[in-house]
Amino acid sequence: MKVTRNSLKDLAAIAVILAIVSVLSYFFNLFAFLVELFEKNPKAITFIDEIITGLVTLSVCFAVFSWRRWVELKKETAERIKLEEELIEIATTNAEVERIISKQLRCEVELRRKKRL
């Protein structure tokens, strides 16, 4: 549940940032320099497809990278939970063994006291 809440918070933050950048870009013409660059140097526009292709490829690569890290994290978390459960079981077993040994020792002490009296 916590991971989902964090993911939703991240997605909301991304949406807010995207909206802010879009509004600022619209009102303040933040990327007008690109238009001016392409008007002054029309040959530069031939590189725009490479830039867009590179950015799309980079986005897909980051998505795959993130997905792979998520799968690894999921496996490691499952393994840690399993190990924690085993440790709890071992600790419970040890506590039970210590309780039984303590009980046996008390019985032994009582028997020896009774023999002495």
PDB file of N, CA and C in Angstrom:
ATOM      1  N   MET A   1       0.814  -1.196   0.000  1.00  0.00           N
ATOM      2  CA  MET A   1       0.000   0.000   0.000  1.00  0.00           C
ATOM      3  C   MET A   1       0.859   1.261   0.000  1.00  0.00           C
ATOM      4  N   LYS A   2       1.931   1.238   0.825  1.00  0.00           N
ATOM      5  CA  LYS A   2       2.778   2.417   0.942  1.00  0.00           C
ATOM      6  C   LYS A   2       3.459   2.735  -0.384  1.00  0.00           C
ATOM      7  N   VAL A   3       3.901   1.695  -1.094  1.00  0.00           N
ATOM      8  CA  VAL A   3       4.555   1.910  -2.382  1.00  0.00           C
ATOM      9  C   VAL A   3       3.580   2.547  -3.355  1.00  0.00           C
ATOM     10  N   THR A   4       2.332   2.096  -3.340  1.00  0.00           N
ATOM     11  CA  THR A   4       1.327   2.652  -4.234  1.00  0.00           C
ATOM     12  C   THR A   4       1.082   4.118  -3.912  1.00  0.00           C
ATOM     13  N   ARG A   5       1.004   4.458  -2.639  1.00  0.00           N
ATOM     14  CA  ARG A   5       0.798   5.858  -2.243  1.00  0.00           C
ATOM     15  C   ARG A   5       1.959   6.718  -2.700  1.00  0.00           C
ATOM     16  N   ASN A   6       3.187   6.225  -2.523  1.00  0.00           N
ATOM     17  CA  ASN A   6       4.362   6.972  -2.970  1.00  0.00           C
ATOM     18  C   ASN A   6       4.353   7.142  -4.482  1.00  0.00           C
ATOM     19  N   SER A   7       3.963   6.096  -5.185  1.00  0.00           N
ATOM     20  CA  SER A   7       3.897   6.170  -6.646  1.00  0.00           C
ATOM     21  C   SER A   7       2.864   7.194  -7.088  1.00  0.00           C
ATOM     22  N   LEU A   8       1.721   7.191  -6.424  1.00  0.00           N
ATOM     23  CA  LEU A   8       0.679   8.160  -6.769  1.00  0.00           C
ATOM     24  C   LEU A   8       1.140   9.585  -6.475  1.00  0.00           C
ATOM     25  N   LYS A   9       1.857   9.765  -5.371  1.00  0.00           N
ATOM     26  CA  LYS A   9       2.399  11.087  -5.058  1.00  0.00           C
ATOM     27  C   LYS A   9       3.396  11.523  -6.133  1.00  0.00           C
ATOM     28  N   ASP A  10       4.251  10.595  -6.562  1.00  0.00           N
ATOM     29  CA  ASP A  10       5.232  10.910  -7.604  1.00  0.00           C
ATOM     30  C   ASP A  10       4.535  11.277  -8.915  1.00  0.00           C
ATOM     31  N   LEU A  11       3.511  10.494  -9.277  1.00  0.00           N
ATOM     32  CA  LEU A  11       2.778  10.789 -10.512  1.00  0.00           C
ATOM     33  C   LEU A  11       2.079  12.147 -10.422  1.00  0.00           C
ATOM     34  N   ALA A  12       1.524  12.457  -9.266  1.00  0.00           N
ATOM     35  CA  ALA A  12       0.878  13.760  -9.086  1.00  0.00           C
ATOM     36  C   ALA A  12       1.911  14.881  -9.207  1.00  0.00           C
ATOM     37  N   ALA A  13       3.096  14.678  -8.618  1.00  0.00           N
ATOM     38  CA  ALA A  13       4.155  15.688  -8.714  1.00  0.00           C
ATOM     39  C   ALA A  13       4.587  15.875 -10.167  1.00  0.00           C
ATOM     40  N   ILE A  14       4.707  14.780 -10.893  1.00  0.00           N
ATOM     41  CA  ILE A  14       5.089  14.866 -12.316  1.00  0.00           C
ATOM     42  C   ILE A  14       4.029  15.635 -13.101  1.00  0.00           C
ATOM     43  N   ALA A  15       2.754  15.345 -12.825  1.00  0.00           N
ATOM     44  CA  ALA A  15       1.672  16.039 -13.521  1.00  0.00           C
ATOM     45  C   ALA A  15       1.688  17.534 -13.211  1.00  0.00           C
ATOM     46  N   VAL A  16       1.925  17.888 -11.958  1.00  0.00           N
ATOM     47  CA  VAL A  16       1.968  19.308 -11.565  1.00  0.00           C
ATOM     48  C   VAL A  16       3.151  20.001 -12.242  1.00  0.00           C
ATOM     49  N   ILE A  17       4.309  19.367 -12.222  1.00  0.00           N
ATOM     50  CA  ILE A  17       5.492  19.961 -12.867  1.00  0.00           C
ATOM     51  C   ILE A  17       5.259  20.135 -14.366  1.00  0.00           C
ATOM     52  N   LEU A  18       4.669  19.129 -15.000  1.00  0.00           N
ATOM     53  CA  LEU A  18       4.382  19.204 -16.431  1.00  0.00           C
ATOM     54  C   LEU A  18       3.417  20.350 -16.720  1.00  0.00           C
ATOM     55  N   ALA A  19       2.399  20.503 -15.882  1.00  0.00           N
ATOM     56  CA  ALA A  19       1.433  21.584 -16.072  1.00  0.00           C
ATOM     57  C   ALA A  19       2.109  22.942 -15.905  1.00  0.00           C
ATOM     58  N   ILE A  20       2.953  23.076 -14.883  1.00  0.00           N
ATOM     59  CA  ILE A  20       3.642  24.350 -14.647  1.00  0.00           C
ATOM     60  C   ILE A  20       4.554  24.698 -15.824  1.00  0.00           C
ATOM     61  N   VAL A  21       5.329  23.718 -16.288  1.00  0.00           N
ATOM     62  CA  VAL A  21       6.230  23.969 -17.421  1.00  0.00           C
ATOM     63  C   VAL A  21       5.434  24.333 -18.665  1.00  0.00           C
ATOM     64  N   SER A  22       4.319  23.656 -18.885  1.00  0.00           N
ATOM     65  CA  SER A  22       3.487  23.958 -20.059  1.00  0.00           C
ATOM     66  C   SER A  22       2.923  25.380 -19.996  1.00  0.00           C
ATOM     67  N   VAL A  23       2.424  25.772 -18.821  1.00  0.00           N
ATOM     68  CA  VAL A  23       1.868  27.118 -18.664  1.00  0.00           C
ATOM     69  C   VAL A  23       2.960  28.168 -18.830  1.00  0.00           C
ATOM     70  N   LEU A  24       4.098  27.960 -18.192  1.00  0.00           N
ATOM     71  CA  LEU A  24       5.208  28.910 -18.327  1.00  0.00           C
ATOM     72  C   LEU A  24       5.689  28.998 -19.776  1.00  0.00           C
ATOM     73  N   SER A  25       5.749  27.870 -20.426  1.00  0.00           N
ATOM     74  CA  SER A  25       6.178  27.846 -21.819  1.00  0.00           C
ATOM     75  C   SER A  25       5.198  28.607 -22.703  1.00  0.00           C
ATOM     76  N   TYR A  26       3.920  28.452 -22.415  1.00  0.00           N
ATOM     77  CA  TYR A  26       2.902  29.123 -23.228  1.00  0.00           C
ATOM     78  C   TYR A  26       2.930  30.641 -23.017  1.00  0.00           C
ATOM     79  N   PHE A  27       2.954  31.071 -21.763  1.00  0.00           N
ATOM     80  CA  PHE A  27       2.871  32.497 -21.477  1.00  0.00           C
ATOM     81  C   PHE A  27       4.191  33.244 -21.672  1.00  0.00           C
ATOM     82  N   PHE A  28       5.304  32.603 -21.396  1.00  0.00           N
ATOM     83  CA  PHE A  28       6.581  33.291 -21.470  1.00  0.00           C
ATOM     84  C   PHE A  28       7.433  32.858 -22.660  1.00  0.00           C
ATOM     85  N   ASN A  29       6.880  32.009 -23.515  1.00  0.00           N
ATOM     86  CA  ASN A  29       7.596  31.544 -24.705  1.00  0.00           C
ATOM     87  C   ASN A  29       9.004  31.068 -24.363  1.00  0.00           C
ATOM     88  N   LEU A  30       9.064  30.130 -23.425  1.00  0.00           N
ATOM     89  CA  LEU A  30      10.358  29.646 -22.953  1.00  0.00           C
ATOM     90  C   LEU A  30      11.171  28.978 -24.057  1.00  0.00           C
ATOM     91  N   PHE A  31      10.501  28.397 -25.014  1.00  0.00           N
ATOM     92  CA  PHE A  31      11.225  27.686 -26.060  1.00  0.00           C
ATOM     93  C   PHE A  31      11.193  28.435 -27.392  1.00  0.00           C
ATOM     94  N   ALA A  32      10.985  29.742 -27.320  1.00  0.00           N
ATOM     95  CA  ALA A  32      10.990  30.561 -28.536  1.00  0.00           C
ATOM     96  C   ALA A  32      12.367  30.575 -29.187  1.00  0.00           C
ATOM     97  N   PHE A  33      13.388  30.362 -28.372  1.00  0.00           N
ATOM     98  CA  PHE A  33      14.748  30.354 -28.928  1.00  0.00           C
ATOM     99  C   PHE A  33      14.906  29.244 -29.966  1.00  0.00           C
ATOM    100  N   LEU A  34      14.168  28.150 -29.807  1.00  0.00           N
ATOM    101  CA  LEU A  34      14.247  27.079 -30.801  1.00  0.00           C
ATOM    102  C   LEU A  34      13.666  27.529 -32.137  1.00  0.00           C
ATOM    103  N   VAL A  35      12.549  28.240 -32.071  1.00  0.00           N
ATOM    104  CA  VAL A  35      11.933  28.749 -33.293  1.00  0.00           C
ATOM    105  C   VAL A  35      12.884  29.719 -33.982  1.00  0.00           C
ATOM    106  N   GLU A  36      13.488  30.613 -33.199  1.00  0.00           N
ATOM    107  CA  GLU A  36      14.438  31.570 -33.765  1.00  0.00           C
ATOM    108  C   GLU A  36      15.648  30.859 -34.367  1.00  0.00           C
ATOM    109  N   LEU A  37      16.124  29.824 -33.672  1.00  0.00           N
ATOM    110  CA  LEU A  37      17.259  29.066 -34.178  1.00  0.00           C
ATOM    111  C   LEU A  37      16.933  28.420 -35.517  1.00  0.00           C
ATOM    112  N   PHE A  38      15.750  27.832 -35.616  1.00  0.00           N
ATOM    113  CA  PHE A  38      15.375  27.152 -36.857  1.00  0.00           C
ATOM    114  C   PHE A  38      15.064  28.145 -37.973  1.00  0.00           C
ATOM    115  N   GLU A  39      14.590  29.359 -37.625  1.00  0.00           N
ATOM    116  CA  GLU A  39      14.362  30.381 -38.654  1.00  0.00           C
ATOM    117  C   GLU A  39      15.684  30.909 -39.200  1.00  0.00           C
ATOM    118  N   LYS A  40      16.665  31.094 -38.315  1.00  0.00           N
ATOM    119  CA  LYS A  40      17.966  31.607 -38.745  1.00  0.00           C
ATOM    120  C   LYS A  40      18.780  30.547 -39.478  1.00  0.00           C
ATOM    121  N   ASN A  41      18.632  29.318 -39.077  1.00  0.00           N
ATOM    122  CA  ASN A  41      19.407  28.232 -39.653  1.00  0.00           C
ATOM    123  C   ASN A  41      18.470  27.089 -40.036  1.00  0.00           C
ATOM    124  N   PRO A  42      17.861  27.166 -41.207  1.00  0.00           N
ATOM    125  CA  PRO A  42      16.878  26.147 -41.604  1.00  0.00           C
ATOM    126  C   PRO A  42      17.467  24.730 -41.697  1.00  0.00           C
ATOM    127  N   LYS A  43      18.764  24.632 -41.904  1.00  0.00           N
ATOM    128  CA  LYS A  43      19.358  23.298 -41.989  1.00  0.00           C
ATOM    129  C   LYS A  43      19.377  22.602 -40.632  1.00  0.00           C
ATOM    130  N   ALA A  44      19.305  23.383 -39.561  1.00  0.00           N
ATOM    131  CA  ALA A  44      19.331  22.813 -38.210  1.00  0.00           C
ATOM    132  C   ALA A  44      18.082  21.983 -37.930  1.00  0.00           C
ATOM    133  N   ILE A  45      17.003  22.289 -38.640  1.00  0.00           N
ATOM    134  CA  ILE A  45      15.759  21.542 -38.403  1.00  0.00           C
ATOM    135  C   ILE A  45      15.884  20.090 -38.837  1.00  0.00           C
ATOM    136  N   THR A  46      16.851  19.792 -39.653  1.00  0.00           N
ATOM    137  CA  THR A  46      17.042  18.398 -40.071  1.00  0.00           C
ATOM    138  C   THR A  46      17.506  17.531 -38.903  1.00  0.00           C
ATOM    139  N   PHE A  47      18.037  18.168 -37.866  1.00  0.00           N
ATOM    140  CA  PHE A  47      18.493  17.407 -36.704  1.00  0.00           C
ATOM    141  C   PHE A  47      17.394  17.164 -35.674  1.00  0.00           C
ATOM    142  N   ILE A  48      16.254  17.800 -35.853  1.00  0.00           N
ATOM    143  CA  ILE A  48      15.188  17.675 -34.860  1.00  0.00           C
ATOM    144  C   ILE A  48      14.677  16.241 -34.773  1.00  0.00           C
ATOM    145  N   ASP A  49      14.640  15.525 -35.874  1.00  0.00           N
ATOM    146  CA  ASP A  49      14.163  14.135 -35.819  1.00  0.00           C
ATOM    147  C   ASP A  49      15.140  13.257 -35.041  1.00  0.00           C
ATOM    148  N   GLU A  50      16.441  13.533 -35.158  1.00  0.00           N
ATOM    149  CA  GLU A  50      17.403  12.775 -34.374  1.00  0.00           C
ATOM    150  C   GLU A  50      17.260  13.088 -32.882  1.00  0.00           C
ATOM    151  N   ILE A  51      17.013  14.348 -32.579  1.00  0.00           N
ATOM    152  CA  ILE A  51      16.845  14.741 -31.178  1.00  0.00           C
ATOM    153  C   ILE A  51      15.613  14.062 -30.588  1.00  0.00           C
ATOM    154  N   ILE A  52      14.497  14.121 -31.313  1.00  0.00           N
ATOM    155  CA  ILE A  52      13.261  13.497 -30.823  1.00  0.00           C
ATOM    156  C   ILE A  52      13.439  11.985 -30.711  1.00  0.00           C
ATOM    157  N   THR A  53      14.052  11.374 -31.689  1.00  0.00           N
ATOM    158  CA  THR A  53      14.296   9.928 -31.637  1.00  0.00           C
ATOM    159  C   THR A  53      15.173   9.571 -30.445  1.00  0.00           C
ATOM    160  N   GLY A  54      16.210  10.358 -30.222  1.00  0.00           N
ATOM    161  CA  GLY A  54      17.088  10.114 -29.076  1.00  0.00           C
ATOM    162  C   GLY A  54      16.355  10.253 -27.754  1.00  0.00           C
ATOM    163  N   LEU A  55      15.528  11.279 -27.625  1.00  0.00           N
ATOM    164  CA  LEU A  55      14.779  11.483 -26.387  1.00  0.00           C
ATOM    165  C   LEU A  55      13.751  10.377 -26.149  1.00  0.00           C
ATOM    166  N   VAL A  56      13.072   9.951 -27.215  1.00  0.00           N
ATOM    167  CA  VAL A  56      12.112   8.852 -27.068  1.00  0.00           C
ATOM    168  C   VAL A  56      12.840   7.566 -26.686  1.00  0.00           C
ATOM    169  N   THR A  57      13.964   7.310 -27.317  1.00  0.00           N
ATOM    170  CA  THR A  57      14.755   6.120 -26.983  1.00  0.00           C
ATOM    171  C   THR A  57      15.238   6.185 -25.543  1.00  0.00           C
ATOM    172  N   LEU A  58      15.708   7.349 -25.131  1.00  0.00           N
ATOM    173  CA  LEU A  58      16.154   7.528 -23.753  1.00  0.00           C
ATOM    174  C   LEU A  58      15.008   7.280 -22.770  1.00  0.00           C
ATOM    175  N   SER A  59      13.836   7.770 -23.092  1.00  0.00           N
ATOM    176  CA  SER A  59      12.667   7.549 -22.221  1.00  0.00           C
ATOM    177  C   SER A  59      12.335   6.070 -22.104  1.00  0.00           C
ATOM    178  N   VAL A  60      12.350   5.372 -23.226  1.00  0.00           N
ATOM    179  CA  VAL A  60      12.064   3.932 -23.198  1.00  0.00           C
ATOM    180  C   VAL A  60      13.143   3.193 -22.404  1.00  0.00           C
ATOM    181  N   CYS A  61      14.385   3.580 -22.602  1.00  0.00           N
ATOM    182  CA  CYS A  61      15.473   2.937 -21.856  1.00  0.00           C
ATOM    183  C   CYS A  61      15.335   3.170 -20.358  1.00  0.00           C
ATOM    184  N   PHE A  62      14.999   4.383 -19.955  1.00  0.00           N
ATOM    185  CA  PHE A  62      14.780   4.654 -18.532  1.00  0.00           C
ATOM    186  C   PHE A  62      13.595   3.866 -17.991  1.00  0.00           C
ATOM    187  N   ALA A  63      12.554   3.706 -18.789  1.00  0.00           N
ATOM    188  CA  ALA A  63      11.394   2.917 -18.353  1.00  0.00           C
ATOM    189  C   ALA A  63      11.792   1.458 -18.141  1.00  0.00           C
ATOM    190  N   VAL A  64      12.561   0.899 -19.063  1.00  0.00           N
ATOM    191  CA  VAL A  64      13.018  -0.494 -18.924  1.00  0.00           C
ATOM    192  C   VAL A  64      13.947  -0.614 -17.719  1.00  0.00           C
ATOM    193  N   PHE A  65      14.843   0.335 -17.567  1.00  0.00           N
ATOM    194  CA  PHE A  65      15.759   0.334 -16.425  1.00  0.00           C
ATOM    195  C   PHE A  65      14.979   0.360 -15.107  1.00  0.00           C
ATOM    196  N   SER A  66      13.999   1.244 -15.023  1.00  0.00           N
ATOM    197  CA  SER A  66      13.188   1.344 -13.809  1.00  0.00           C
ATOM    198  C   SER A  66      12.415   0.053 -13.555  1.00  0.00           C
ATOM    199  N   TRP A  67      11.858  -0.525 -14.601  1.00  0.00           N
ATOM    200  CA  TRP A  67      11.092  -1.767 -14.449  1.00  0.00           C
ATOM    201  C   TRP A  67      11.994  -2.888 -13.937  1.00  0.00           C
ATOM    202  N   ARG A  68      13.194  -2.995 -14.492  1.00  0.00           N
ATOM    203  CA  ARG A  68      14.119  -4.044 -14.054  1.00  0.00           C
ATOM    204  C   ARG A  68      14.521  -3.854 -12.595  1.00  0.00           C
ATOM    205  N   ARG A  69      14.789  -2.605 -12.184  1.00  0.00           N
ATOM    206  CA  ARG A  69      15.116  -2.352 -10.782  1.00  0.00           C
ATOM    207  C   ARG A  69      13.934  -2.684  -9.883  1.00  0.00           C
ATOM    208  N   TRP A  70      12.721  -2.417 -10.344  1.00  0.00           N
ATOM    209  CA  TRP A  70      11.524  -2.727  -9.567  1.00  0.00           C
ATOM    210  C   TRP A  70      11.376  -4.231  -9.385  1.00  0.00           C
ATOM    211  N   VAL A  71      11.613  -5.005 -10.449  1.00  0.00           N
ATOM    212  CA  VAL A  71      11.531  -6.460 -10.346  1.00  0.00           C
ATOM    213  C   VAL A  71      12.592  -6.985  -9.376  1.00  0.00           C
ATOM    214  N   GLU A  72      13.808  -6.461  -9.470  1.00  0.00           N
ATOM    215  CA  GLU A  72      14.865  -6.872  -8.543  1.00  0.00           C
ATOM    216  C   GLU A  72      14.486  -6.539  -7.097  1.00  0.00           C
ATOM    217  N   LEU A  73      13.948  -5.357  -6.887  1.00  0.00           N
ATOM    218  CA  LEU A  73      13.537  -4.946  -5.550  1.00  0.00           C
ATOM    219  C   LEU A  73      12.429  -5.842  -5.016  1.00  0.00           C
ATOM    220  N   LYS A  74      11.519  -6.205  -5.888  1.00  0.00           N
ATOM    221  CA  LYS A  74      10.413  -7.088  -5.497  1.00  0.00           C
ATOM    222  C   LYS A  74      10.948  -8.458  -5.065  1.00  0.00           C
ATOM    223  N   LYS A  75      11.887  -9.004  -5.828  1.00  0.00           N
ATOM    224  CA  LYS A  75      12.489 -10.294  -5.478  1.00  0.00           C
ATOM    225  C   LYS A  75      13.254 -10.202  -4.164  1.00  0.00           C
ATOM    226  N   GLU A  76      14.040  -9.158  -4.009  1.00  0.00           N
ATOM    227  CA  GLU A  76      14.837  -9.009  -2.791  1.00  0.00           C
ATOM    228  C   GLU A  76      13.931  -8.833  -1.573  1.00  0.00           C
ATOM    229  N   THR A  77      12.866  -8.086  -1.731  1.00  0.00           N
ATOM    230  CA  THR A  77      11.927  -7.892  -0.628  1.00  0.00           C
ATOM    231  C   THR A  77      11.285  -9.208  -0.229  1.00  0.00           C
ATOM    232  N   ALA A  78      10.877 -10.003  -1.221  1.00  0.00           N
ATOM    233  CA  ALA A  78      10.279 -11.311  -0.925  1.00  0.00           C
ATOM    234  C   ALA A  78      11.284 -12.208  -0.203  1.00  0.00           C
ATOM    235  N   GLU A  79      12.541 -12.179  -0.643  1.00  0.00           N
ATOM    236  CA  GLU A  79      13.578 -12.988  -0.008  1.00  0.00           C
ATOM    237  C   GLU A  79      13.826 -12.531   1.432  1.00  0.00           C
ATOM    238  N   ARG A  80      13.851 -11.226   1.646  1.00  0.00           N
ATOM    239  CA  ARG A  80      14.064 -10.716   3.003  1.00  0.00           C
ATOM    240  C   ARG A  80      12.906 -11.085   3.922  1.00  0.00           C
ATOM    241  N   ILE A  81      11.695 -11.019   3.413  1.00  0.00           N
ATOM    242  CA  ILE A  81      10.533 -11.403   4.223  1.00  0.00           C
ATOM    243  C   ILE A  81      10.623 -12.877   4.598  1.00  0.00           C
ATOM    244  N   LYS A  82      11.027 -13.702   3.634  1.00  0.00           N
ATOM    245  CA  LYS A  82      11.172 -15.133   3.898  1.00  0.00           C
ATOM    246  C   LYS A  82      12.240 -15.362   4.980  1.00  0.00           C
ATOM    247  N   LEU A  83      13.373 -14.682   4.857  1.00  0.00           N
ATOM    248  CA  LEU A  83      14.445 -14.828   5.842  1.00  0.00           C
ATOM    249  C   LEU A  83      14.013 -14.332   7.225  1.00  0.00           C
ATOM    250  N   GLU A  84      13.260 -13.241   7.263  1.00  0.00           N
ATOM    251  CA  GLU A  84      12.764 -12.738   8.547  1.00  0.00           C
ATOM    252  C   GLU A  84      11.827 -13.751   9.203  1.00  0.00           C
ATOM    253  N   GLU A  85      10.970 -14.371   8.390  1.00  0.00           N
ATOM    254  CA  GLU A  85      10.064 -15.383   8.926  1.00  0.00           C
ATOM    255  C   GLU A  85      10.845 -16.572   9.470  1.00  0.00           C
ATOM    256  N   GLU A  86      11.906 -16.970   8.749  1.00  0.00           N
ATOM    257  CA  GLU A  86      12.753 -18.071   9.225  1.00  0.00           C
ATOM    258  C   GLU A  86      13.449 -17.692  10.534  1.00  0.00           C
ATOM    259  N   LEU A  87      13.934 -16.447  10.624  1.00  0.00           N
ATOM    260  CA  LEU A  87      14.581 -15.998  11.856  1.00  0.00           C
ATOM    261  C   LEU A  87      13.601 -15.980  13.029  1.00  0.00           C
ATOM    262  N   ILE A  88      12.385 -15.552  12.763  1.00  0.00           N
ATOM    263  CA  ILE A  88      11.365 -15.553  13.822  1.00  0.00           C
ATOM    264  C   ILE A  88      11.073 -16.975  14.266  1.00  0.00           C
ATOM    265  N   GLU A  89      10.997 -17.887  13.300  1.00  0.00           N
ATOM    266  CA  GLU A  89      10.751 -19.300  13.629  1.00  0.00           C
ATOM    267  C   GLU A  89      11.904 -19.869  14.455  1.00  0.00           C
ATOM    268  N   ILE A  90      13.133 -19.553  14.055  1.00  0.00           N
ATOM    269  CA  ILE A  90      14.306 -20.035  14.800  1.00  0.00           C
ATOM    270  C   ILE A  90      14.312 -19.449  16.206  1.00  0.00           C
ATOM    271  N   ALA A  91      14.027 -18.151  16.327  1.00  0.00           N
ATOM    272  CA  ALA A  91      14.004 -17.516  17.643  1.00  0.00           C
ATOM    273  C   ALA A  91      12.919 -18.131  18.522  1.00  0.00           C
ATOM    274  N   THR A  92      11.765 -18.410  17.927  1.00  0.00           N
ATOM    275  CA  THR A  92      10.681 -19.037  18.685  1.00  0.00           C
ATOM    276  C   THR A  92      11.088 -20.433  19.133  1.00  0.00           C
ATOM    277  N   THR A  93      11.713 -21.184  18.239  1.00  0.00           N
ATOM    278  CA  THR A  93      12.176 -22.526  18.578  1.00  0.00           C
ATOM    279  C   THR A  93      13.218 -22.467  19.687  1.00  0.00           C
ATOM    280  N   ASN A  94      14.164 -21.541  19.566  1.00  0.00           N
ATOM    281  CA  ASN A  94      15.196 -21.392  20.604  1.00  0.00           C
ATOM    282  C   ASN A  94      14.570 -21.031  21.946  1.00  0.00           C
ATOM    283  N   ALA A  95      13.607 -20.150  21.922  1.00  0.00           N
ATOM    284  CA  ALA A  95      12.944 -19.767  23.172  1.00  0.00           C
ATOM    285  C   ALA A  95      12.217 -20.963  23.783  1.00  0.00           C
ATOM    286  N   GLU A  96      11.585 -21.752  22.938  1.00  0.00           N
ATOM    287  CA  GLU A  96      10.882 -22.950  23.429  1.00  0.00           C
ATOM    288  C   GLU A  96      11.873 -23.961  24.008  1.00  0.00           C
ATOM    289  N   VAL A  97      12.987 -24.149  23.321  1.00  0.00           N
ATOM    290  CA  VAL A  97      14.021 -25.070  23.807  1.00  0.00           C
ATOM    291  C   VAL A  97      14.568 -24.580  25.142  1.00  0.00           C
ATOM    292  N   GLU A  98      14.848 -23.284  25.245  1.00  0.00           N
ATOM    293  CA  GLU A  98      15.356 -22.736  26.500  1.00  0.00           C
ATOM    294  C   GLU A  98      14.338 -22.896  27.633  1.00  0.00           C
ATOM    295  N   ARG A  99      13.064 -22.724  27.303  1.00  0.00           N
ATOM    296  CA  ARG A  99      12.020 -22.895  28.310  1.00  0.00           C
ATOM    297  C   ARG A  99      11.977 -24.338  28.795  1.00  0.00           C
ATOM    298  N   ILE A 100      12.077 -25.284  27.871  1.00  0.00           N
ATOM    299  CA  ILE A 100      12.047 -26.705  28.237  1.00  0.00           C
ATOM    300  C   ILE A 100      13.275 -27.062  29.070  1.00  0.00           C
ATOM    301  N   ILE A 101      14.453 -26.600  28.655  1.00  0.00           N
ATOM    302  CA  ILE A 101      15.682 -26.880  29.400  1.00  0.00           C
ATOM    303  C   ILE A 101      15.592 -26.271  30.798  1.00  0.00           C
ATOM    304  N   SER A 102      15.099 -25.052  30.884  1.00  0.00           N
ATOM    305  CA  SER A 102      14.943 -24.396  32.179  1.00  0.00           C
ATOM    306  C   SER A 102      13.998 -25.185  33.077  1.00  0.00           C
ATOM    307  N   LYS A 103      12.928 -25.665  32.499  1.00  0.00           N
ATOM    308  CA  LYS A 103      11.954 -26.461  33.265  1.00  0.00           C
ATOM    309  C   LYS A 103      12.607 -27.757  33.749  1.00  0.00           C
ATOM    310  N   GLN A 104      13.370 -28.407  32.876  1.00  0.00           N
ATOM    311  CA  GLN A 104      14.048 -29.644  33.253  1.00  0.00           C
ATOM    312  C   GLN A 104      15.083 -29.387  34.358  1.00  0.00           C
ATOM    313  N   LEU A 105      15.815 -28.275  34.239  1.00  0.00           N
ATOM    314  CA  LEU A 105      16.803 -27.937  35.264  1.00  0.00           C
ATOM    315  C   LEU A 105      16.123 -27.672  36.608  1.00  0.00           C
ATOM    316  N   ARG A 106      15.006 -26.977  36.576  1.00  0.00           N
ATOM    317  CA  ARG A 106      14.277 -26.726  37.824  1.00  0.00           C
ATOM    318  C   ARG A 106      13.806 -28.028  38.455  1.00  0.00           C
ATOM    319  N   CYS A 107      13.317 -28.927  37.616  1.00  0.00           N
ATOM    320  CA  CYS A 107      12.883 -30.229  38.129  1.00  0.00           C
ATOM    321  C   CYS A 107      14.060 -30.993  38.728  1.00  0.00           C
ATOM    322  N   GLU A 108      15.200 -30.953  38.054  1.00  0.00           N
ATOM    323  CA  GLU A 108      16.401 -31.619  38.535  1.00  0.00           C
ATOM    324  C   GLU A 108      16.846 -31.029  39.876  1.00  0.00           C
ATOM    325  N   VAL A 109      16.816 -29.714  39.980  1.00  0.00           N
ATOM    326  CA  VAL A 109      17.195 -29.051  41.227  1.00  0.00           C
ATOM    327  C   VAL A 109      16.228 -29.452  42.341  1.00  0.00           C
ATOM    328  N   GLU A 110      14.957 -29.476  42.060  1.00  0.00           N
ATOM    329  CA  GLU A 110      13.962 -29.872  43.062  1.00  0.00           C
ATOM    330  C   GLU A 110      14.175 -31.309  43.523  1.00  0.00           C
ATOM    331  N   LEU A 111      14.461 -32.206  42.577  1.00  0.00           N
ATOM    332  CA  LEU A 111      14.702 -33.601  42.924  1.00  0.00           C
ATOM    333  C   LEU A 111      15.924 -33.729  43.827  1.00  0.00           C
ATOM    334  N   ARG A 112      16.983 -32.988  43.525  1.00  0.00           N
ATOM    335  CA  ARG A 112      18.197 -33.079  44.334  1.00  0.00           C
ATOM    336  C   ARG A 112      17.968 -32.482  45.715  1.00  0.00           C
ATOM    337  N   ARG A 113      17.176 -31.457  45.818  1.00  0.00           N
ATOM    338  CA  ARG A 113      16.847 -30.873  47.123  1.00  0.00           C
ATOM    339  C   ARG A 113      16.065 -31.876  47.971  1.00  0.00           C
ATOM    340  N   LYS A 114      15.118 -32.537  47.323  1.00  0.00           N
ATOM    341  CA  LYS A 114      14.308 -33.513  48.056  1.00  0.00           C
ATOM    342  C   LYS A 114      15.173 -34.694  48.520  1.00  0.00           C
ATOM    343  N   LYS A 115      16.139 -35.099  47.710  1.00  0.00           N
ATOM    344  CA  LYS A 115      17.019 -36.212  48.096  1.00  0.00           C
ATOM    345  C   LYS A 115      17.884 -35.824  49.287  1.00  0.00           C
ATOM    346  N   ARG A 116      18.315 -34.593  49.370  1.00  0.00           N
ATOM    347  CA  ARG A 116      19.173 -34.147  50.464  1.00  0.00           C
ATOM    348  C   ARG A 116      18.398 -34.044  51.784  1.00  0.00           C
ATOM    349  N   LEU A 117      17.139 -33.723  51.688  1.00  0.00           N
ATOM    350  CA  LEU A 117      16.358 -33.564  52.919  1.00  0.00           C
ATOM    351  C   LEU A 117      15.876 -34.886  53.381  1.00  0.00           C
TER     352      LEU A 117
END
